């Protein structure tokens, strides 16, 4: 079997898993010799398509795999499907909305719909921001396996800062993501831009992985709270999931 075919099968298999898996599991599932799997994984690791978690003896998707997802988004299918959903959401709640995808440790904004009489945002199409500071990024990170998050944020050097707020080390990020999972949506308050708040919800693909996230942003001085807007964002996320082929949330 050609090495290219085996490599793509390994990546496709890892994409469908809920978290990193041992090499022997990959070899058994794909009926590929274990020695071949180790060789291909080592090559993929060199190019950051996979990461190795030596303490657990497991392999998961790497930053370059997320960048492939960002490349898909830049080619417009996800943006085309999401844009009308966000436009309807903005009309309904009268707050600005955006759609973002993961791009390494950043989020990349692919759709922005600004509400009338609301301030301009930094989340214009094509802008990248640190995922751990944004509502969209936190929503997607919370939907990833914890081992994958550890691989993305191994130590304090992985944490960028914008306003002096937000997690600055792995333990703080774990606490933030734990709250996101408990609530079912992410929030941020002044961590991207002082005076603005956001609520975000992940958009999952057919395998349950976060393909994107929706966020609503509004002035902190407003009387509106995250709980009021989270339901609307969740409904819109479910509609985008339906459009990209996901039949159920989980």
Foldseek 3Di string as FASTA:
>chain_A
DDLVVVLVLLLVVLVLDQAWAALVVSCVVVVHDSVSSVVSQVVCVVVQQKDADVVVNTIHGGLVVQQVLVVVVVVPPLVVLQAVLQVVLCVVPQFKKWKWGDRQQKIATQDIDHGPPADDDPNDHGDIDGLQQDQFSLQQLLQHPPVRVCVSFVFQVSDDFDQPDGDRTDVRSVVQSVVCVVVQKHKHACRHHHQKIKIKHFQAEQSSHGSMMMMTMHGPPDPDDRVVSVVSRVVSSVSSRVVRPHDDHD
